[in-house]
Amino acid sequence: MGLQHIDYEKIRQVLYDIAYAQDTLDWQLFRKCWVQPELIDFDVAGHLDGYEVQQLPVEELVRLSQEALGGFDCSQHVVTNITIVLDDEAAAGGLAVNVRALITAFHYLDLARASGVEEGKTVDGRNHEAIMRGVWQLKLVSNGAGEWAIKGINVSRLAPLTGNLELYNIAKKRFHDGLGRLPLRK
């Protein structure tokens, strides 16, 4: 049994949903994108220093994502060039695919506001953003009823991070200090 046109559309939608959920802080939607209650194969060693390849429960993945993104004023994850290949090893009761997609992630933090710079003063705009350009390599599985979810993800960079890289640490601290942004209202 192979993939149907609708499978390709549903698989692409899972990737779009992850990006949208991260940018709007919709953690309920984010959770739906991952296989549960199984552990997720999580590998960001090719993107973030200090991380090992690991298996995480979905709730830990949600916590890490909240911590990483919640302190920014906004982010925008752009997913393009999605390639879907049927995996030879079928998942129990369904199908499995390997997916590759290019990702550009923009992260913005108004340093003037965040650091208490007097209103009306400007700070160089390039200092307000950090940009990641990379590749998502994912393993998705079907539950046999036409629904798809991610079983594993590998994130690696295509180019060095650009912009103000200290924003990641500032945003993480802001999140822990309760100064992060609110989820987008529906």
Protein backbone atom coordinates (compact mmCIF):
# COMPACT_ATOMS: atom_id res chain seq x y z
CA MET A 1 0.00 0.00 0.00
CA GLY A 2 1.41 3.39 -0.98
CA LEU A 3 0.71 7.00 -0.22
CA GLN A 4 -2.40 8.67 -1.56
CA HIS A 5 -2.61 12.33 -2.60
CA ILE A 6 -4.45 13.12 0.65
CA ASP A 7 -1.54 11.64 2.66
CA TYR A 8 0.89 14.08 1.07
CA GLU A 9 -1.41 16.97 1.96
CA LYS A 10 -1.85 15.77 5.56
CA ILE A 11 1.90 15.27 6.00
CA ARG A 12 2.64 18.78 4.71
CA GLN A 13 -0.04 20.14 7.04
CA VAL A 14 1.73 18.61 10.07
CA LEU A 15 4.87 20.59 9.17
CA TYR A 16 2.88 23.79 8.65
CA ASP A 17 1.12 23.18 11.97
CA ILE A 18 4.42 22.88 13.85
CA ALA A 19 5.65 26.18 12.42
CA TYR A 20 2.33 27.93 13.07
CA ALA A 21 2.10 26.53 16.60
CA GLN A 22 5.62 27.71 17.44
CA ASP A 23 4.95 31.21 16.10
CA THR A 24 1.56 31.62 17.79
CA LEU A 25 2.54 29.70 20.95
CA ASP A 26 -0.35 27.31 20.36
CA TRP A 27 0.96 24.44 22.44
CA GLN A 28 -2.21 22.38 22.06
CA LEU A 29 -1.73 22.35 18.27
CA PHE A 30 2.00 21.68 18.76
CA ARG A 31 1.22 18.60 20.89
CA LYS A 32 -1.08 17.19 18.20
CA CYS A 33 1.80 17.08 15.72
CA TRP A 34 3.73 14.43 17.67
CA VAL A 35 3.21 10.71 18.26
CA GLN A 36 1.85 10.15 21.76
CA PRO A 37 2.46 8.64 24.28
CA GLU A 38 5.69 7.36 22.71
CA LEU A 39 9.06 9.05 23.10
CA ILE A 40 10.13 11.37 20.29
CA ASP A 41 13.55 11.00 18.69
CA PHE A 42 14.90 14.54 19.11
CA ASP A 43 18.17 15.65 17.51
CA VAL A 44 19.14 19.33 17.39
CA ALA A 45 22.87 18.71 17.86
CA GLY A 46 23.48 20.04 14.32
CA HIS A 47 21.74 23.28 15.25
CA LEU A 48 22.22 24.05 18.96
CA ASP A 49 25.41 23.63 20.91
CA GLY A 50 25.24 21.50 24.05
CA TYR A 51 22.43 19.20 22.96
CA GLU A 52 22.78 15.45 22.57
CA VAL A 53 20.54 13.21 20.51
CA GLN A 54 17.81 12.13 22.90
CA GLN A 55 14.36 10.62 23.24
CA LEU A 56 11.82 12.92 24.86
CA PRO A 57 8.21 12.68 25.93
CA VAL A 58 6.02 15.20 24.09
CA GLU A 59 5.52 17.29 27.24
CA GLU A 60 9.28 17.80 27.56
CA LEU A 61 9.46 18.84 23.92
CA VAL A 62 6.65 21.33 24.57
CA ARG A 63 8.49 22.70 27.63
CA LEU A 64 11.73 23.15 25.68
CA SER A 65 9.89 24.91 22.86
CA GLN A 66 8.02 27.20 25.25
CA GLU A 67 11.29 28.12 26.94
CA ALA A 68 13.08 28.74 23.64
CA LEU A 69 10.34 30.80 21.94
CA GLY A 70 8.12 32.28 24.64
CA GLY A 71 10.52 35.11 25.55
CA PHE A 72 10.73 36.53 22.03
CA ASP A 73 8.36 39.27 20.90
CA CYS A 74 7.67 37.18 17.82
CA SER A 75 9.05 34.43 15.65
CA GLN A 76 8.32 33.27 12.13
CA HIS A 77 9.16 29.74 10.98
CA VAL A 78 8.97 29.42 7.20
CA VAL A 79 8.83 25.84 5.87
CA THR A 80 9.61 25.22 2.18
CA ASN A 81 10.82 22.59 -0.30
CA ILE A 82 9.12 19.66 1.42
CA THR A 83 10.18 16.23 0.17
CA ILE A 84 8.24 13.13 1.26
CA VAL A 85 9.55 9.58 0.75
CA LEU A 86 7.77 6.41 1.82
CA ASP A 87 9.83 4.52 4.40
CA ASP A 88 10.42 0.84 3.67
CA GLU A 89 9.77 -0.02 7.31
CA ALA A 90 6.04 0.34 7.80
CA ALA A 91 4.80 1.48 11.19
CA ALA A 92 2.58 -0.87 13.17
CA GLY A 93 -0.88 -0.62 11.62
CA GLY A 94 0.09 2.12 9.21
CA LEU A 95 2.70 3.75 7.00
CA ALA A 96 5.90 5.66 7.75
CA VAL A 97 7.57 8.42 5.74
CA ASN A 98 10.82 10.33 5.82
CA VAL A 99 10.34 14.04 5.26
CA ARG A 100 12.87 16.74 4.53
CA ALA A 101 12.08 20.46 4.51
CA LEU A 102 14.01 23.71 4.48
CA ILE A 103 13.32 25.96 7.43
CA THR A 104 14.07 29.62 7.98
CA ALA A 105 13.32 30.77 11.51
CA PHE A 106 13.21 34.48 12.29
CA HIS A 107 13.33 35.47 15.98
CA TYR A 108 12.62 39.07 17.04
CA LEU A 109 13.04 40.81 20.38
CA ASP A 110 12.65 44.56 20.91
CA LEU A 111 15.81 45.18 22.92
CA ALA A 112 14.93 48.81 23.55
CA ARG A 113 11.72 47.80 25.31
CA ALA A 114 13.21 44.70 26.90
CA SER A 115 16.16 46.58 28.38
CA GLY A 116 14.28 49.72 29.41
CA VAL A 117 15.75 52.07 26.79
CA GLU A 118 13.95 55.41 26.90
CA GLU A 119 10.87 55.49 24.67
CA GLY A 120 11.50 57.13 21.32
CA LYS A 121 15.16 56.13 21.25
CA THR A 122 16.11 53.67 18.55
CA VAL A 123 18.40 50.71 18.53
CA ASP A 124 19.92 49.26 15.35
CA GLY A 125 17.28 46.88 13.95
CA ARG A 126 19.82 44.19 13.20
CA ASN A 127 20.38 43.84 16.94
CA HIS A 128 16.75 42.84 17.39
CA GLU A 129 16.74 39.66 15.33
CA ALA A 130 18.38 36.28 15.06
CA ILE A 131 17.86 34.08 12.02
CA MET A 132 18.35 30.34 11.56
CA ARG A 133 18.46 28.71 8.12
CA GLY A 134 18.39 24.95 8.16
CA VAL A 135 16.82 21.61 7.41
CA TRP A 136 14.19 19.61 9.24
CA GLN A 137 14.48 15.86 8.68
CA LEU A 138 11.48 14.11 10.14
CA LYS A 139 10.02 10.64 10.52
CA LEU A 140 6.22 10.65 10.41
CA VAL A 141 3.94 7.70 11.00
CA SER A 142 0.33 7.05 10.14
CA ASN A 143 -2.03 5.63 12.71
CA GLY A 144 -3.72 3.59 9.97
CA ALA A 145 -6.79 5.84 10.05
CA GLY A 146 -5.33 8.56 7.86
CA GLU A 147 -3.80 10.73 10.59
CA TRP A 148 -0.07 11.54 10.59
CA ALA A 149 2.24 12.49 13.48
CA ILE A 150 5.96 13.02 13.97
CA LYS A 151 8.00 10.23 15.53
CA GLY A 152 11.40 11.91 15.16
CA ILE A 153 13.06 15.16 14.13
CA ASN A 154 16.59 16.17 13.25
CA VAL A 155 17.34 19.88 12.92
CA SER A 156 20.57 21.03 11.32
CA ARG A 157 21.81 24.37 10.02
CA LEU A 158 22.59 25.12 6.39
CA ALA A 159 24.40 28.34 7.31
CA PRO A 160 25.68 29.96 10.49
CA LEU A 161 23.11 31.69 12.67
CA THR A 162 22.94 35.39 11.81
CA GLY A 163 21.95 38.45 13.76
CA ASN A 164 22.23 38.96 17.50
CA LEU A 165 22.75 35.47 18.88
CA GLU A 166 22.55 36.70 22.47
CA LEU A 167 18.79 37.15 21.88
CA TYR A 168 18.29 33.41 22.49
CA ASN A 169 19.66 33.75 26.04
CA ILE A 170 17.82 37.02 26.69
CA ALA A 171 14.53 35.51 25.47
CA LYS A 172 14.99 32.40 27.61
CA LYS A 173 15.60 34.57 30.69
CA ARG A 174 12.57 36.74 29.86
CA PHE A 175 10.44 33.60 29.64
CA HIS A 176 11.64 32.37 33.04
CA ASP A 177 11.08 35.85 34.52
CA GLY A 178 7.45 35.76 33.30
CA LEU A 179 8.05 38.48 30.71
CA GLY A 180 7.30 36.42 27.61
CA ARG A 181 4.63 37.06 25.02
CA LEU A 182 1.14 35.74 25.17
CA PRO A 183 -0.23 33.17 22.73
CA LEU A 184 -2.01 34.58 19.70
CA ARG A 185 -5.71 34.85 20.44
CA LYS A 186 -8.00 32.88 18.17
